[in-house]
Amino acid sequence: MTRCLLIDEDSRGRQYLEQMLSGLGLETSLTAGTDDALRFCNDNSPDIVMVSTRASGGAPKEFVKRLRLSGRGKPPVVFLYAETPDTEMFGQSILEGAADVLMMPFDRDLLH
């Protein structure tokens, strides 16, 4: 089973995304912030990490840098944007380590 770590400060958003991810067969763990997420990654090895721009503890790009420096593998990281980023922001996200970028809200089909 694919293990996914979801990082989002908004508890309702986390619950909603967890339901969608679980419905797709992913084993999902949740954290509100990037500091907790790094501790989780040090103790576990998620197959994929999804980090919202609303996550507490720093910007997604800082999380990716810290994750890569931790030496705990390199799971793909998907940035989740709540606001509409411009095309430059999408490109910058990829340069900063995002494997993909998704705009919220999205449906199950797009997530799949």
C-alpha atoms as a PDB file:
ATOM      1  CA  MET A   1       0.000   0.000   0.000  1.00  0.00           C
ATOM      2  CA  THR A   2       1.286   3.461  -0.891  1.00  0.00           C
ATOM      3  CA  ARG A   3       1.951   5.630   2.158  1.00  0.00           C
ATOM      4  CA  CYS A   4       1.143   9.317   1.846  1.00  0.00           C
ATOM      5  CA  LEU A   5       1.951  12.108   4.283  1.00  0.00           C
ATOM      6  CA  LEU A   6      -0.465  15.042   4.048  1.00  0.00           C
ATOM      7  CA  ILE A   7       0.594  18.376   5.550  1.00  0.00           C
ATOM      8  CA  ASP A   8      -2.099  21.024   5.941  1.00  0.00           C
ATOM      9  CA  GLU A   9      -2.870  23.393   8.801  1.00  0.00           C
ATOM     10  CA  ASP A  10      -6.599  23.416   8.007  1.00  0.00           C
ATOM     11  CA  SER A  11      -8.131  20.437   9.847  1.00  0.00           C
ATOM     12  CA  ARG A  12     -11.219  20.357   7.622  1.00  0.00           C
ATOM     13  CA  GLY A  13      -9.023  20.407   4.521  1.00  0.00           C
ATOM     14  CA  ARG A  14      -6.878  17.588   5.920  1.00  0.00           C
ATOM     15  CA  GLN A  15      -9.925  15.446   6.657  1.00  0.00           C
ATOM     16  CA  TYR A  16     -11.390  16.039   3.200  1.00  0.00           C
ATOM     17  CA  LEU A  17      -8.117  15.192   1.445  1.00  0.00           C
ATOM     18  CA  GLU A  18      -7.561  12.189   3.692  1.00  0.00           C
ATOM     19  CA  GLN A  19     -10.935  10.781   2.643  1.00  0.00           C
ATOM     20  CA  MET A  20     -10.102  11.234  -1.040  1.00  0.00           C
ATOM     21  CA  LEU A  21      -6.629   9.711  -0.641  1.00  0.00           C
ATOM     22  CA  SER A  22      -7.931   6.775   1.387  1.00  0.00           C
ATOM     23  CA  GLY A  23     -10.601   6.227  -1.261  1.00  0.00           C
ATOM     24  CA  LEU A  24      -7.783   5.869  -3.783  1.00  0.00           C
ATOM     25  CA  GLY A  25      -6.151   3.183  -1.638  1.00  0.00           C
ATOM     26  CA  LEU A  26      -3.442   5.278  -0.016  1.00  0.00           C
ATOM     27  CA  GLU A  27      -2.495   4.871   3.622  1.00  0.00           C
ATOM     28  CA  THR A  28      -2.570   8.487   4.777  1.00  0.00           C
ATOM     29  CA  SER A  29      -0.869  10.122   7.746  1.00  0.00           C
ATOM     30  CA  LEU A  30      -1.644  13.711   8.684  1.00  0.00           C
ATOM     31  CA  THR A  31       0.274  16.626  10.160  1.00  0.00           C
ATOM     32  CA  ALA A  32      -0.580  20.304  10.498  1.00  0.00           C
ATOM     33  CA  GLY A  33       2.919  21.645  10.030  1.00  0.00           C
ATOM     34  CA  THR A  34       6.250  21.035   8.407  1.00  0.00           C
ATOM     35  CA  ASP A  35       8.155  20.539  11.675  1.00  0.00           C
ATOM     36  CA  ASP A  36       5.919  17.603  12.629  1.00  0.00           C
ATOM     37  CA  ALA A  37       6.160  16.352   9.061  1.00  0.00           C
ATOM     38  CA  LEU A  38       9.961  16.252   9.184  1.00  0.00           C
ATOM     39  CA  ARG A  39       9.844  14.292  12.440  1.00  0.00           C
ATOM     40  CA  PHE A  40       7.368  11.923  10.814  1.00  0.00           C
ATOM     41  CA  CYS A  41       9.639  11.473   7.788  1.00  0.00           C
ATOM     42  CA  ASN A  42      12.602  10.764  10.073  1.00  0.00           C
ATOM     43  CA  ASP A  43      10.658   7.984  11.811  1.00  0.00           C
ATOM     44  CA  ASN A  44       8.800   6.673   8.755  1.00  0.00           C
ATOM     45  CA  SER A  45       9.310   6.550   5.039  1.00  0.00           C
ATOM     46  CA  PRO A  46       6.301   7.935   3.183  1.00  0.00           C
ATOM     47  CA  ASP A  47       6.103   7.112  -0.504  1.00  0.00           C
ATOM     48  CA  ILE A  48       4.689  10.545  -1.338  1.00  0.00           C
ATOM     49  CA  VAL A  49       4.296  13.827   0.535  1.00  0.00           C
ATOM     50  CA  MET A  50       1.581  16.384  -0.165  1.00  0.00           C
ATOM     51  CA  VAL A  51       2.166  19.796   1.411  1.00  0.00           C
ATOM     52  CA  SER A  52      -0.297  22.649   1.386  1.00  0.00           C
ATOM     53  CA  THR A  53       0.810  26.232   1.104  1.00  0.00           C
ATOM     54  CA  ARG A  54      -1.307  26.664   4.260  1.00  0.00           C
ATOM     55  CA  ALA A  55       0.959  24.359   6.288  1.00  0.00           C
ATOM     56  CA  SER A  56       2.396  25.883   9.423  1.00  0.00           C
ATOM     57  CA  GLY A  57       6.127  25.979  10.010  1.00  0.00           C
ATOM     58  CA  GLY A  58       7.293  27.421   6.722  1.00  0.00           C
ATOM     59  CA  ALA A  59       6.797  27.482   3.011  1.00  0.00           C
ATOM     60  CA  PRO A  60       6.642  24.204   1.075  1.00  0.00           C
ATOM     61  CA  LYS A  61       9.967  24.984  -0.605  1.00  0.00           C
ATOM     62  CA  GLU A  62      11.681  25.243   2.788  1.00  0.00           C
ATOM     63  CA  PHE A  63      10.154  21.925   3.803  1.00  0.00           C
ATOM     64  CA  VAL A  64      11.497  20.263   0.650  1.00  0.00           C
ATOM     65  CA  LYS A  65      14.989  21.640   1.301  1.00  0.00           C
ATOM     66  CA  ARG A  66      14.928  20.398   4.904  1.00  0.00           C
ATOM     67  CA  LEU A  67      13.565  17.003   3.837  1.00  0.00           C
ATOM     68  CA  ARG A  68      16.309  16.568   1.240  1.00  0.00           C
ATOM     69  CA  LEU A  69      18.987  17.577   3.763  1.00  0.00           C
ATOM     70  CA  SER A  70      17.663  15.083   6.333  1.00  0.00           C
ATOM     71  CA  GLY A  71      18.911  12.189   4.230  1.00  0.00           C
ATOM     72  CA  ARG A  72      15.619  10.319   4.670  1.00  0.00           C
ATOM     73  CA  GLY A  73      15.083   9.485   1.053  1.00  0.00           C
ATOM     74  CA  LYS A  74      13.513  11.607  -1.603  1.00  0.00           C
ATOM     75  CA  PRO A  75       9.806  10.936  -1.780  1.00  0.00           C
ATOM     76  CA  PRO A  76       8.014  12.976  -4.427  1.00  0.00           C
ATOM     77  CA  VAL A  77       6.498  16.124  -2.938  1.00  0.00           C
ATOM     78  CA  VAL A  78       3.291  17.615  -4.328  1.00  0.00           C
ATOM     79  CA  PHE A  79       2.571  21.269  -3.539  1.00  0.00           C
ATOM     80  CA  LEU A  80      -1.095  22.064  -2.909  1.00  0.00           C
ATOM     81  CA  TYR A  81      -2.088  25.665  -3.585  1.00  0.00           C
ATOM     82  CA  ALA A  82      -5.231  27.160  -2.039  1.00  0.00           C
ATOM     83  CA  GLU A  83      -4.903  30.384  -4.018  1.00  0.00           C
ATOM     84  CA  THR A  84      -4.354  30.718  -7.727  1.00  0.00           C
ATOM     85  CA  PRO A  85      -0.632  30.907  -8.418  1.00  0.00           C
ATOM     86  CA  ASP A  86       0.645  32.471 -11.591  1.00  0.00           C
ATOM     87  CA  THR A  87       2.649  30.468 -14.111  1.00  0.00           C
ATOM     88  CA  GLU A  88       5.917  31.739 -12.636  1.00  0.00           C
ATOM     89  CA  MET A  89       4.917  30.345  -9.236  1.00  0.00           C
ATOM     90  CA  PHE A  90       4.188  26.938 -10.799  1.00  0.00           C
ATOM     91  CA  GLY A  91       7.601  26.888 -12.451  1.00  0.00           C
ATOM     92  CA  GLN A  92       9.330  28.039  -9.284  1.00  0.00           C
ATOM     93  CA  SER A  93       7.581  25.295  -7.313  1.00  0.00           C
ATOM     94  CA  ILE A  94       9.009  22.659  -9.646  1.00  0.00           C
ATOM     95  CA  LEU A  95      12.478  24.225  -9.411  1.00  0.00           C
ATOM     96  CA  GLU A  96      12.186  24.180  -5.631  1.00  0.00           C
ATOM     97  CA  GLY A  97      11.578  20.452  -5.580  1.00  0.00           C
ATOM     98  CA  ALA A  98       7.892  19.841  -6.205  1.00  0.00           C
ATOM     99  CA  ALA A  99       7.168  16.759  -8.262  1.00  0.00           C
ATOM    100  CA  ASP A 100       3.796  18.262  -9.117  1.00  0.00           C
ATOM    101  CA  VAL A 101       1.529  21.181  -8.253  1.00  0.00           C
ATOM    102  CA  LEU A 102      -2.219  20.951  -7.659  1.00  0.00           C
ATOM    103  CA  MET A 103      -4.764  23.709  -7.200  1.00  0.00           C
ATOM    104  CA  MET A 104      -7.346  23.315  -4.446  1.00  0.00           C
ATOM    105  CA  PRO A 105     -10.142  22.529  -4.539  1.00  0.00           C
ATOM    106  CA  PHE A 106      -9.822  19.527  -6.775  1.00  0.00           C
ATOM    107  CA  ASP A 107     -11.855  16.385  -7.179  1.00  0.00           C
ATOM    108  CA  ARG A 108     -11.020  12.731  -6.783  1.00  0.00           C
ATOM    109  CA  ASP A 109     -10.509  12.225 -10.531  1.00  0.00           C
ATOM    110  CA  LEU A 110      -7.881  14.938 -10.753  1.00  0.00           C
ATOM    111  CA  LEU A 111      -6.150  13.668  -7.639  1.00  0.00           C
ATOM    112  CA  HIS A 112      -6.060  10.163  -9.054  1.00  0.00           C
END
